Amino acid sequence: MLPISLILGLLMTSLLPRPLPAQAAAQATDLRVMTFNIRYGTANDGENRWENRKDLLIETIKAFDPDLLGTQETLGFQRDYLTEKLQQYEVLGVGRNDGLESGEMMALYFKRTRFEKLDGGHFWLSEAPHQAGSKSWDSSLPRMVTWVKLRDRLYRNVKPLVFFNTHFDHQGPRARLESAKLLRQRIAALAETARIIVTGDFNTGEGSEPYLALFDDVGRDRSPVVDAFRVAHPQRAADEGTFSNFVKGPGNGPRIDWIAVSRDWSVGSAVIDRTERAGRFPSDHYPVTATFRLKAVK
């Protein structure tokens, strides 16, 4: 019979956490990102009104469990509802009309356990980016970007991460183009010193002028970001539309909700999430998700 001390030692050893296999360990540090136009909560949507879909929206977010979440068409009470239900996240979001509480927000969320906030703010997609509520060109409404600079607690010795979230104008083609140019300038100014993630509803499809302005290389001016979905799915398909209008099935329109990422990330996956329950949808847009892994840790 084995001595009691040896039996206890073997038992304690069996209870110790086992090292993760290399692949599982790498997956545990992957960055999970979601972009989600949640449809403004005062819309006259009948059976699809906010009260009937808000629980499913939270379930959809929790099912993916993003580290970073960018939302669009978010009113103040919706921002606060998500904050209440997603308590592991810190939120940043202000109204586009006044930089306070008036109007839709480009609210973004990040996990406190993974990230430490270093800085954050907002700018407007106009010729006066620092003027709250400003609009230019043929924009129908004020449009803006909310951003946050984060230190990744899992990789404290790498460059910080800057997360941008935006919503381009739905009517003005010139406004969308100029917005893409301005956003690219802001990204490029940070690309040497930070890793970049961009989420948003861009109200235009792949191959459009704004898309090319953001993602195309122009001469020696290499775009600082790539389209995560197209990296993950090199061949375009007919069912990539992300606006559902609360109708079941693949979207037949363009893919207008994008996640952009700087070139120091590798793209693991990108998915258009068509979650629905008994004919009910969390929003009139499908959320888009992606996972990323650092190419190198220096």
C-alpha atoms as a PDB file:
ATOM      1  CA  MET A   1       0.000   0.000   0.000  1.00  0.00           C
ATOM      2  CA  LEU A   2       1.309   3.451  -0.919  1.00  0.00           C
ATOM      3  CA  PRO A   3       2.158   5.845   1.904  1.00  0.00           C
ATOM      4  CA  ILE A   4      -0.529   8.462   2.631  1.00  0.00           C
ATOM      5  CA  SER A   5       1.934  11.284   1.882  1.00  0.00           C
ATOM      6  CA  LEU A   6       2.627   9.877  -1.581  1.00  0.00           C
ATOM      7  CA  ILE A   7      -1.076   9.448  -2.333  1.00  0.00           C
ATOM      8  CA  LEU A   8      -1.761  13.048  -1.297  1.00  0.00           C
ATOM      9  CA  GLY A   9       1.130  14.261  -3.424  1.00  0.00           C
ATOM     10  CA  LEU A  10      -0.142  12.462  -6.505  1.00  0.00           C
ATOM     11  CA  LEU A  11      -3.650  13.834  -5.917  1.00  0.00           C
ATOM     12  CA  MET A  12      -2.422  17.416  -5.636  1.00  0.00           C
ATOM     13  CA  THR A  13      -0.326  17.034  -8.774  1.00  0.00           C
ATOM     14  CA  SER A  14      -3.373  15.843 -10.725  1.00  0.00           C
ATOM     15  CA  LEU A  15      -5.292  18.948  -9.668  1.00  0.00           C
ATOM     16  CA  LEU A  16      -2.674  21.389 -10.933  1.00  0.00           C
ATOM     17  CA  PRO A  17      -3.594  23.231 -14.168  1.00  0.00           C
ATOM     18  CA  ARG A  18      -2.013  21.632 -17.183  1.00  0.00           C
ATOM     19  CA  PRO A  19      -0.135  23.746 -19.744  1.00  0.00           C
ATOM     20  CA  LEU A  20      -2.169  24.499 -22.820  1.00  0.00           C
ATOM     21  CA  PRO A  21      -0.992  22.983 -26.089  1.00  0.00           C
ATOM     22  CA  ALA A  22       0.743  25.584 -28.253  1.00  0.00           C
ATOM     23  CA  GLN A  23      -2.222  26.027 -30.607  1.00  0.00           C
ATOM     24  CA  ALA A  24      -4.737  26.366 -27.785  1.00  0.00           C
ATOM     25  CA  ALA A  25      -2.485  28.843 -25.999  1.00  0.00           C
ATOM     26  CA  ALA A  26      -2.212  30.948 -29.147  1.00  0.00           C
ATOM     27  CA  GLN A  27      -5.968  30.881 -29.646  1.00  0.00           C
ATOM     28  CA  ALA A  28      -6.465  32.058 -26.084  1.00  0.00           C
ATOM     29  CA  THR A  29      -4.587  35.253 -26.969  1.00  0.00           C
ATOM     30  CA  ASP A  30      -6.314  35.847 -30.312  1.00  0.00           C
ATOM     31  CA  LEU A  31      -8.072  39.189 -30.630  1.00  0.00           C
ATOM     32  CA  ARG A  32     -11.836  38.873 -31.202  1.00  0.00           C
ATOM     33  CA  VAL A  33     -13.524  41.843 -32.906  1.00  0.00           C
ATOM     34  CA  MET A  34     -17.164  42.539 -33.764  1.00  0.00           C
ATOM     35  CA  THR A  35     -18.806  45.382 -35.694  1.00  0.00           C
ATOM     36  CA  PHE A  36     -22.548  45.757 -35.200  1.00  0.00           C
ATOM     37  CA  ASN A  37     -25.029  48.346 -36.470  1.00  0.00           C
ATOM     38  CA  ILE A  38     -27.680  47.804 -33.795  1.00  0.00           C
ATOM     39  CA  ARG A  39     -30.436  49.946 -35.406  1.00  0.00           C
ATOM     40  CA  TYR A  40     -31.455  53.043 -33.471  1.00  0.00           C
ATOM     41  CA  GLY A  41     -33.847  52.176 -30.706  1.00  0.00           C
ATOM     42  CA  THR A  42     -36.606  54.711 -31.447  1.00  0.00           C
ATOM     43  CA  ALA A  43     -37.195  53.476 -35.005  1.00  0.00           C
ATOM     44  CA  ASN A  44     -40.802  52.646 -35.892  1.00  0.00           C
ATOM     45  CA  ASP A  45     -40.033  49.003 -36.671  1.00  0.00           C
ATOM     46  CA  GLY A  46     -43.263  47.317 -35.583  1.00  0.00           C
ATOM     47  CA  GLU A  47     -42.575  43.743 -34.504  1.00  0.00           C
ATOM     48  CA  ASN A  48     -38.841  44.403 -34.925  1.00  0.00           C
ATOM     49  CA  ARG A  49     -38.789  47.308 -32.474  1.00  0.00           C
ATOM     50  CA  TRP A  50     -36.013  47.567 -29.933  1.00  0.00           C
ATOM     51  CA  GLU A  51     -37.934  46.018 -27.032  1.00  0.00           C
ATOM     52  CA  ASN A  52     -38.540  42.848 -29.055  1.00  0.00           C
ATOM     53  CA  ARG A  53     -34.951  42.311 -30.124  1.00  0.00           C
ATOM     54  CA  LYS A  54     -32.682  43.773 -27.462  1.00  0.00           C
ATOM     55  CA  ASP A  55     -32.281  40.499 -25.552  1.00  0.00           C
ATOM     56  CA  LEU A  56     -31.330  38.641 -28.734  1.00  0.00           C
ATOM     57  CA  LEU A  57     -28.843  41.380 -29.541  1.00  0.00           C
ATOM     58  CA  ILE A  58     -27.120  40.848 -26.196  1.00  0.00           C
ATOM     59  CA  GLU A  59     -27.167  37.066 -26.709  1.00  0.00           C
ATOM     60  CA  THR A  60     -25.580  37.509 -30.146  1.00  0.00           C
ATOM     61  CA  ILE A  61     -22.772  39.635 -28.735  1.00  0.00           C
ATOM     62  CA  LYS A  62     -22.151  37.260 -25.826  1.00  0.00           C
ATOM     63  CA  ALA A  63     -22.109  34.232 -28.126  1.00  0.00           C
ATOM     64  CA  PHE A  64     -19.125  35.638 -30.010  1.00  0.00           C
ATOM     65  CA  ASP A  65     -17.580  37.187 -26.890  1.00  0.00           C
ATOM     66  CA  PRO A  66     -15.601  39.981 -28.565  1.00  0.00           C
ATOM     67  CA  ASP A  67     -12.613  41.665 -26.976  1.00  0.00           C
ATOM     68  CA  LEU A  68     -13.496  44.769 -29.013  1.00  0.00           C
ATOM     69  CA  LEU A  69     -17.017  45.718 -30.075  1.00  0.00           C
ATOM     70  CA  GLY A  70     -17.879  48.651 -32.330  1.00  0.00           C
ATOM     71  CA  THR A  71     -21.552  49.631 -32.524  1.00  0.00           C
ATOM     72  CA  GLN A  72     -23.312  52.064 -34.815  1.00  0.00           C
ATOM     73  CA  GLU A  73     -26.728  53.799 -34.672  1.00  0.00           C
ATOM     74  CA  THR A  74     -26.468  53.604 -30.903  1.00  0.00           C
ATOM     75  CA  LEU A  75     -28.648  56.001 -28.915  1.00  0.00           C
ATOM     76  CA  GLY A  76     -27.764  56.891 -25.350  1.00  0.00           C
ATOM     77  CA  PHE A  77     -30.237  54.511 -23.746  1.00  0.00           C
ATOM     78  CA  GLN A  78     -28.998  51.689 -25.983  1.00  0.00           C
ATOM     79  CA  ARG A  79     -25.381  52.415 -25.063  1.00  0.00           C
ATOM     80  CA  ASP A  80     -26.387  52.243 -21.407  1.00  0.00           C
ATOM     81  CA  TYR A  81     -28.375  49.030 -21.875  1.00  0.00           C
ATOM     82  CA  LEU A  82     -25.385  47.310 -23.460  1.00  0.00           C
ATOM     83  CA  THR A  83     -23.161  48.652 -20.688  1.00  0.00           C
ATOM     84  CA  GLU A  84     -25.511  47.196 -18.063  1.00  0.00           C
ATOM     85  CA  LYS A  85     -25.690  43.790 -19.749  1.00  0.00           C
ATOM     86  CA  LEU A  86     -22.021  43.605 -20.748  1.00  0.00           C
ATOM     87  CA  GLN A  87     -20.444  44.525 -17.454  1.00  0.00           C
ATOM     88  CA  GLN A  88     -16.989  43.193 -18.312  1.00  0.00           C
ATOM     89  CA  TYR A  89     -16.604  45.979 -20.887  1.00  0.00           C
ATOM     90  CA  GLU A  90     -15.697  49.636 -20.647  1.00  0.00           C
ATOM     91  CA  VAL A  91     -17.598  51.895 -23.058  1.00  0.00           C
ATOM     92  CA  LEU A  92     -16.805  55.112 -24.904  1.00  0.00           C
ATOM     93  CA  GLY A  93     -19.512  56.878 -26.905  1.00  0.00           C
ATOM     94  CA  VAL A  94     -21.001  60.355 -27.401  1.00  0.00           C
ATOM     95  CA  GLY A  95     -23.795  61.763 -29.547  1.00  0.00           C
ATOM     96  CA  ARG A  96     -22.872  62.884 -33.037  1.00  0.00           C
ATOM     97  CA  ASN A  97     -24.971  66.066 -32.808  1.00  0.00           C
ATOM     98  CA  ASP A  98     -23.177  67.732 -29.908  1.00  0.00           C
ATOM     99  CA  GLY A  99     -20.422  65.440 -28.667  1.00  0.00           C
ATOM    100  CA  LEU A 100     -22.467  64.772 -25.543  1.00  0.00           C
ATOM    101  CA  GLU A 101     -25.765  62.871 -25.472  1.00  0.00           C
ATOM    102  CA  SER A 102     -27.661  64.116 -28.540  1.00  0.00           C
ATOM    103  CA  GLY A 103     -27.904  61.853 -31.549  1.00  0.00           C
ATOM    104  CA  GLU A 104     -26.593  58.476 -32.558  1.00  0.00           C
ATOM    105  CA  MET A 105     -23.287  57.259 -31.179  1.00  0.00           C
ATOM    106  CA  MET A 106     -20.406  55.238 -32.534  1.00  0.00           C
ATOM    107  CA  ALA A 107     -20.143  53.585 -29.121  1.00  0.00           C
ATOM    108  CA  LEU A 108     -17.249  51.178 -28.689  1.00  0.00           C
ATOM    109  CA  TYR A 109     -16.622  48.605 -25.983  1.00  0.00           C
ATOM    110  CA  PHE A 110     -13.429  46.902 -24.815  1.00  0.00           C
ATOM    111  CA  LYS A 111     -12.787  44.239 -22.197  1.00  0.00           C
ATOM    112  CA  ARG A 112     -11.286  45.636 -19.024  1.00  0.00           C
ATOM    113  CA  THR A 113      -9.509  42.405 -18.194  1.00  0.00           C
ATOM    114  CA  ARG A 114      -7.584  42.499 -21.459  1.00  0.00           C
ATOM    115  CA  PHE A 115      -7.040  46.201 -22.073  1.00  0.00           C
ATOM    116  CA  GLU A 116      -5.867  49.257 -20.215  1.00  0.00           C
ATOM    117  CA  LYS A 117      -7.144  52.548 -21.638  1.00  0.00           C
ATOM    118  CA  LEU A 118      -4.384  55.020 -22.451  1.00  0.00           C
ATOM    119  CA  ASP A 119      -6.324  57.666 -24.380  1.00  0.00           C
ATOM    120  CA  GLY A 120      -9.515  58.145 -26.360  1.00  0.00           C
ATOM    121  CA  GLY A 121     -11.664  60.671 -28.128  1.00  0.00           C
ATOM    122  CA  HIS A 122     -13.784  61.578 -31.124  1.00  0.00           C
ATOM    123  CA  PHE A 123     -13.529  63.464 -34.382  1.00  0.00           C
ATOM    124  CA  TRP A 124     -16.118  64.435 -36.950  1.00  0.00           C
ATOM    125  CA  LEU A 125     -16.048  63.466 -40.598  1.00  0.00           C
ATOM    126  CA  SER A 126     -16.029  66.999 -41.896  1.00  0.00           C
ATOM    127  CA  GLU A 127     -13.710  69.839 -42.833  1.00  0.00           C
ATOM    128  CA  ALA A 128     -13.713  70.798 -39.131  1.00  0.00           C
ATOM    129  CA  PRO A 129     -13.051  67.413 -37.494  1.00  0.00           C
ATOM    130  CA  HIS A 130     -12.748  68.792 -33.963  1.00  0.00           C
ATOM    131  CA  GLN A 131     -16.029  70.704 -34.112  1.00  0.00           C
ATOM    132  CA  ALA A 132     -18.775  68.635 -32.530  1.00  0.00           C
ATOM    133  CA  GLY A 133     -21.816  68.253 -34.768  1.00  0.00           C
ATOM    134  CA  SER A 134     -20.021  69.541 -37.871  1.00  0.00           C
ATOM    135  CA  LYS A 135     -20.772  68.224 -41.339  1.00  0.00           C
ATOM    136  CA  SER A 136     -19.352  68.995 -44.786  1.00  0.00           C
ATOM    137  CA  TRP A 137     -19.567  68.110 -48.451  1.00  0.00           C
ATOM    138  CA  ASP A 138     -22.926  66.462 -49.256  1.00  0.00           C
ATOM    139  CA  SER A 139     -23.373  64.754 -45.896  1.00  0.00           C
ATOM    140  CA  SER A 140     -27.005  64.534 -44.809  1.00  0.00           C
ATOM    141  CA  LEU A 141     -26.131  64.325 -41.107  1.00  0.00           C
ATOM    142  CA  PRO A 142     -23.155  64.843 -38.811  1.00  0.00           C
ATOM    143  CA  ARG A 143     -20.912  61.781 -38.981  1.00  0.00           C
ATOM    144  CA  MET A 144     -18.051  60.929 -36.687  1.00  0.00           C
ATOM    145  CA  VAL A 145     -15.390  58.524 -35.452  1.00  0.00           C
ATOM    146  CA  THR A 146     -14.882  57.404 -31.865  1.00  0.00           C
ATOM    147  CA  TRP A 147     -11.463  55.979 -31.007  1.00  0.00           C
ATOM    148  CA  VAL A 148      -9.583  54.570 -28.068  1.00  0.00           C
ATOM    149  CA  LYS A 149      -5.899  53.823 -27.488  1.00  0.00           C
ATOM    150  CA  LEU A 150      -5.309  50.650 -25.478  1.00  0.00           C
ATOM    151  CA  ARG A 151      -2.484  48.704 -23.920  1.00  0.00           C
ATOM    152  CA  ASP A 152      -2.956  44.966 -24.333  1.00  0.00           C
ATOM    153  CA  ARG A 153      -2.420  43.331 -20.945  1.00  0.00           C
ATOM    154  CA  LEU A 154      -1.420  40.073 -22.663  1.00  0.00           C
ATOM    155  CA  TYR A 155       1.353  41.793 -24.633  1.00  0.00           C
ATOM    156  CA  ARG A 156       2.557  44.674 -22.504  1.00  0.00           C
ATOM    157  CA  ASN A 157       5.796  45.147 -24.441  1.00  0.00           C
ATOM    158  CA  VAL A 158       4.283  45.594 -27.895  1.00  0.00           C
ATOM    159  CA  LYS A 159       2.933  48.721 -29.509  1.00  0.00           C
ATOM    160  CA  PRO A 160      -0.429  49.883 -28.168  1.00  0.00           C
ATOM    161  CA  LEU A 161      -3.614  49.269 -30.112  1.00  0.00           C
ATOM    162  CA  VAL A 162      -5.812  52.053 -31.498  1.00  0.00           C
ATOM    163  CA  PHE A 163      -9.424  51.080 -32.146  1.00  0.00           C
ATOM    164  CA  PHE A 164     -11.543  53.296 -34.447  1.00  0.00           C
ATOM    165  CA  ASN A 165     -15.311  52.962 -34.863  1.00  0.00           C
ATOM    166  CA  THR A 166     -17.359  54.908 -37.423  1.00  0.00           C
ATOM    167  CA  HIS A 167     -20.522  55.246 -39.503  1.00  0.00           C
ATOM    168  CA  PHE A 168     -20.337  56.946 -42.908  1.00  0.00           C
ATOM    169  CA  ASP A 169     -23.186  58.980 -44.393  1.00  0.00           C
ATOM    170  CA  HIS A 170     -25.990  57.060 -46.083  1.00  0.00           C
ATOM    171  CA  GLN A 171     -26.778  59.681 -48.756  1.00  0.00           C
ATOM    172  CA  GLY A 172     -23.713  61.699 -49.710  1.00  0.00           C
ATOM    173  CA  PRO A 173     -21.277  59.937 -52.074  1.00  0.00           C
ATOM    174  CA  ARG A 174     -18.717  62.714 -51.790  1.00  0.00           C
ATOM    175  CA  ALA A 175     -19.043  62.720 -48.000  1.00  0.00           C
ATOM    176  CA  ARG A 176     -18.290  58.995 -47.923  1.00  0.00           C
ATOM    177  CA  LEU A 177     -15.228  59.456 -50.139  1.00  0.00           C
ATOM    178  CA  GLU A 178     -13.855  62.388 -48.148  1.00  0.00           C
ATOM    179  CA  SER A 179     -14.609  60.542 -44.900  1.00  0.00           C
ATOM    180  CA  ALA A 180     -12.566  57.567 -46.111  1.00  0.00           C
ATOM    181  CA  LYS A 181      -9.670  59.863 -46.998  1.00  0.00           C
ATOM    182  CA  LEU A 182      -9.774  61.568 -43.605  1.00  0.00           C
ATOM    183  CA  LEU A 183      -9.983  58.263 -41.763  1.00  0.00           C
ATOM    184  CA  ARG A 184      -7.021  56.902 -43.710  1.00  0.00           C
ATOM    185  CA  GLN A 185      -4.975  59.987 -42.841  1.00  0.00           C
ATOM    186  CA  ARG A 186      -5.713  59.532 -39.152  1.00  0.00           C
ATOM    187  CA  ILE A 187      -4.836  55.846 -39.304  1.00  0.00           C
ATOM    188  CA  ALA A 188      -1.620  56.478 -41.251  1.00  0.00           C
ATOM    189  CA  ALA A 189      -0.478  59.040 -38.692  1.00  0.00           C
ATOM    190  CA  LEU A 190      -0.584  56.341 -36.008  1.00  0.00           C
ATOM    191  CA  ALA A 191       0.390  53.237 -37.937  1.00  0.00           C
ATOM    192  CA  GLU A 192       4.111  53.414 -37.089  1.00  0.00           C
ATOM    193  CA  THR A 193       3.516  53.579 -33.357  1.00  0.00           C
ATOM    194  CA  ALA A 194       0.296  51.577 -32.900  1.00  0.00           C
ATOM    195  CA  ARG A 195      -1.536  48.512 -34.125  1.00  0.00           C
ATOM    196  CA  ILE A 196      -4.849  49.424 -35.745  1.00  0.00           C
ATOM    197  CA  ILE A 197      -8.387  48.022 -35.735  1.00  0.00           C
ATOM    198  CA  VAL A 198     -11.282  49.778 -37.515  1.00  0.00           C
ATOM    199  CA  THR A 199     -14.958  48.833 -37.348  1.00  0.00           C
ATOM    200  CA  GLY A 200     -17.892  50.534 -38.995  1.00  0.00           C
ATOM    201  CA  ASP A 201     -20.929  50.785 -41.199  1.00  0.00           C
ATOM    202  CA  PHE A 202     -19.546  52.439 -44.320  1.00  0.00           C
ATOM    203  CA  ASN A 203     -22.799  52.566 -46.314  1.00  0.00           C
ATOM    204  CA  THR A 204     -20.960  51.544 -49.458  1.00  0.00           C
ATOM    205  CA  GLY A 205     -19.675  48.325 -50.929  1.00  0.00           C
ATOM    206  CA  GLU A 206     -16.427  46.749 -51.958  1.00  0.00           C
ATOM    207  CA  GLY A 207     -14.859  48.388 -54.991  1.00  0.00           C
ATOM    208  CA  SER A 208     -16.535  51.754 -54.387  1.00  0.00           C
ATOM    209  CA  GLU A 209     -14.490  54.948 -54.294  1.00  0.00           C
ATOM    210  CA  PRO A 210     -14.524  55.135 -50.469  1.00  0.00           C
ATOM    211  CA  TYR A 211     -13.472  51.484 -50.225  1.00  0.00           C
ATOM    212  CA  LEU A 212     -10.552  52.075 -52.577  1.00  0.00           C
ATOM    213  CA  ALA A 213      -9.624  55.307 -50.776  1.00  0.00           C
ATOM    214  CA  LEU A 214      -9.304  53.361 -47.532  1.00  0.00           C
ATOM    215  CA  PHE A 215      -7.754  50.097 -48.705  1.00  0.00           C
ATOM    216  CA  ASP A 216      -5.954  50.633 -52.022  1.00  0.00           C
ATOM    217  CA  ASP A 217      -2.230  51.211 -52.352  1.00  0.00           C
ATOM    218  CA  VAL A 218      -1.576  54.429 -54.257  1.00  0.00           C
ATOM    219  CA  GLY A 219       1.908  54.575 -55.736  1.00  0.00           C
ATOM    220  CA  ARG A 220       4.330  54.383 -52.835  1.00  0.00           C
ATOM    221  CA  ASP A 221       1.536  55.181 -50.409  1.00  0.00           C
ATOM    222  CA  ARG A 222       0.685  51.729 -49.121  1.00  0.00           C
ATOM    223  CA  SER A 223      -2.592  51.508 -47.244  1.00  0.00           C
ATOM    224  CA  PRO A 224      -1.950  50.963 -43.538  1.00  0.00           C
ATOM    225  CA  VAL A 225      -4.947  48.609 -43.245  1.00  0.00           C
ATOM    226  CA  VAL A 226      -6.512  45.677 -45.075  1.00  0.00           C
ATOM    227  CA  ASP A 227     -10.083  44.407 -45.346  1.00  0.00           C
ATOM    228  CA  ALA A 228     -10.211  41.489 -42.892  1.00  0.00           C
ATOM    229  CA  PHE A 229     -13.164  39.784 -44.552  1.00  0.00           C
ATOM    230  CA  ARG A 230     -11.565  39.777 -47.986  1.00  0.00           C
ATOM    231  CA  VAL A 231      -8.285  38.482 -46.569  1.00  0.00           C
ATOM    232  CA  ALA A 232     -10.179  35.588 -44.986  1.00  0.00           C
ATOM    233  CA  HIS A 233     -12.324  35.036 -48.110  1.00  0.00           C
ATOM    234  CA  PRO A 234     -10.277  35.924 -51.204  1.00  0.00           C
ATOM    235  CA  GLN A 235     -13.083  35.031 -53.615  1.00  0.00           C
ATOM    236  CA  ARG A 236     -16.094  37.340 -53.661  1.00  0.00           C
ATOM    237  CA  ALA A 237     -19.511  35.696 -53.343  1.00  0.00           C
ATOM    238  CA  ALA A 238     -23.080  36.769 -54.082  1.00  0.00           C
ATOM    239  CA  ASP A 239     -24.305  36.343 -50.503  1.00  0.00           C
ATOM    240  CA  GLU A 240     -22.013  38.793 -48.693  1.00  0.00           C
ATOM    241  CA  GLY A 241     -24.562  41.545 -48.089  1.00  0.00           C
ATOM    242  CA  THR A 242     -24.670  42.747 -44.492  1.00  0.00           C
ATOM    243  CA  PHE A 243     -27.930  44.747 -44.535  1.00  0.00           C
ATOM    244  CA  SER A 244     -30.838  42.364 -43.932  1.00  0.00           C
ATOM    245  CA  ASN A 245     -33.719  44.788 -43.330  1.00  0.00           C
ATOM    246  CA  PHE A 246     -35.017  42.142 -40.887  1.00  0.00           C
ATOM    247  CA  VAL A 247     -35.507  39.640 -43.723  1.00  0.00           C
ATOM    248  CA  LYS A 248     -34.156  36.114 -43.307  1.00  0.00           C
ATOM    249  CA  GLY A 249     -31.462  34.871 -45.653  1.00  0.00           C
ATOM    250  CA  PRO A 250     -28.192  36.064 -47.145  1.00  0.00           C
ATOM    251  CA  GLY A 251     -28.111  39.749 -47.893  1.00  0.00           C
ATOM    252  CA  ASN A 252     -28.316  40.409 -51.618  1.00  0.00           C
ATOM    253  CA  GLY A 253     -26.884  43.896 -51.349  1.00  0.00           C
ATOM    254  CA  PRO A 254     -23.278  44.964 -50.852  1.00  0.00           C
ATOM    255  CA  ARG A 255     -21.094  44.205 -47.853  1.00  0.00           C
ATOM    256  CA  ILE A 256     -21.251  47.605 -46.163  1.00  0.00           C
ATOM    257  CA  ASP A 257     -20.071  46.662 -42.662  1.00  0.00           C
ATOM    258  CA  TRP A 258     -16.288  46.250 -42.521  1.00  0.00           C
ATOM    259  CA  ILE A 259     -13.491  45.419 -40.135  1.00  0.00           C
ATOM    260  CA  ALA A 260     -10.118  46.826 -41.151  1.00  0.00           C
ATOM    261  CA  VAL A 261      -6.850  45.784 -39.574  1.00  0.00           C
ATOM    262  CA  SER A 262      -3.229  46.881 -39.787  1.00  0.00           C
ATOM    263  CA  ARG A 263      -0.736  44.609 -41.488  1.00  0.00           C
ATOM    264  CA  ASP A 264       0.951  43.517 -38.272  1.00  0.00           C
ATOM    265  CA  TRP A 265      -2.005  41.215 -37.559  1.00  0.00           C
ATOM    266  CA  SER A 266      -2.773  37.946 -39.299  1.00  0.00           C
ATOM    267  CA  VAL A 267      -6.442  37.257 -40.005  1.00  0.00           C
ATOM    268  CA  GLY A 268      -7.710  34.022 -38.518  1.00  0.00           C
ATOM    269  CA  SER A 269     -11.377  34.247 -39.465  1.00  0.00           C
ATOM    270  CA  ALA A 270     -14.068  36.654 -40.636  1.00  0.00           C
ATOM    271  CA  VAL A 271     -17.775  35.841 -40.498  1.00  0.00           C
ATOM    272  CA  ILE A 272     -21.083  37.500 -41.322  1.00  0.00           C
ATOM    273  CA  ASP A 273     -23.230  36.454 -38.359  1.00  0.00           C
ATOM    274  CA  ARG A 274     -26.803  35.737 -39.493  1.00  0.00           C
ATOM    275  CA  THR A 275     -28.191  34.917 -36.070  1.00  0.00           C
ATOM    276  CA  GLU A 276     -31.980  34.791 -35.857  1.00  0.00           C
ATOM    277  CA  ARG A 277     -34.490  33.250 -33.500  1.00  0.00           C
ATOM    278  CA  ALA A 278     -38.028  32.321 -34.560  1.00  0.00           C
ATOM    279  CA  GLY A 279     -37.873  34.876 -37.350  1.00  0.00           C
ATOM    280  CA  ARG A 280     -36.572  37.608 -35.052  1.00  0.00           C
ATOM    281  CA  PHE A 281     -33.263  39.362 -35.755  1.00  0.00           C
ATOM    282  CA  PRO A 282     -31.087  41.365 -33.365  1.00  0.00           C
ATOM    283  CA  SER A 283     -30.850  44.211 -35.902  1.00  0.00           C
ATOM    284  CA  ASP A 284     -31.479  45.129 -39.533  1.00  0.00           C
ATOM    285  CA  HIS A 285     -27.738  44.641 -40.139  1.00  0.00           C
ATOM    286  CA  TYR A 286     -25.847  41.418 -39.720  1.00  0.00           C
ATOM    287  CA  PRO A 287     -22.916  41.814 -37.357  1.00  0.00           C
ATOM    288  CA  VAL A 288     -19.498  40.959 -38.761  1.00  0.00           C
ATOM    289  CA  THR A 289     -16.865  39.242 -36.633  1.00  0.00           C
ATOM    290  CA  ALA A 290     -13.172  38.544 -37.044  1.00  0.00           C
ATOM    291  CA  THR A 291     -10.300  37.025 -35.126  1.00  0.00           C
ATOM    292  CA  PHE A 292      -6.701  38.221 -35.330  1.00  0.00           C
ATOM    293  CA  ARG A 293      -3.316  37.078 -34.125  1.00  0.00           C
ATOM    294  CA  LEU A 294      -0.134  39.106 -33.791  1.00  0.00           C
ATOM    295  CA  LYS A 295       2.327  38.253 -36.523  1.00  0.00           C
ATOM    296  CA  ALA A 296       5.253  38.879 -34.205  1.00  0.00           C
ATOM    297  CA  VAL A 297       5.673  39.938 -30.616  1.00  0.00           C
ATOM    298  CA  LYS A 298       8.625  42.241 -30.132  1.00  0.00           C
END
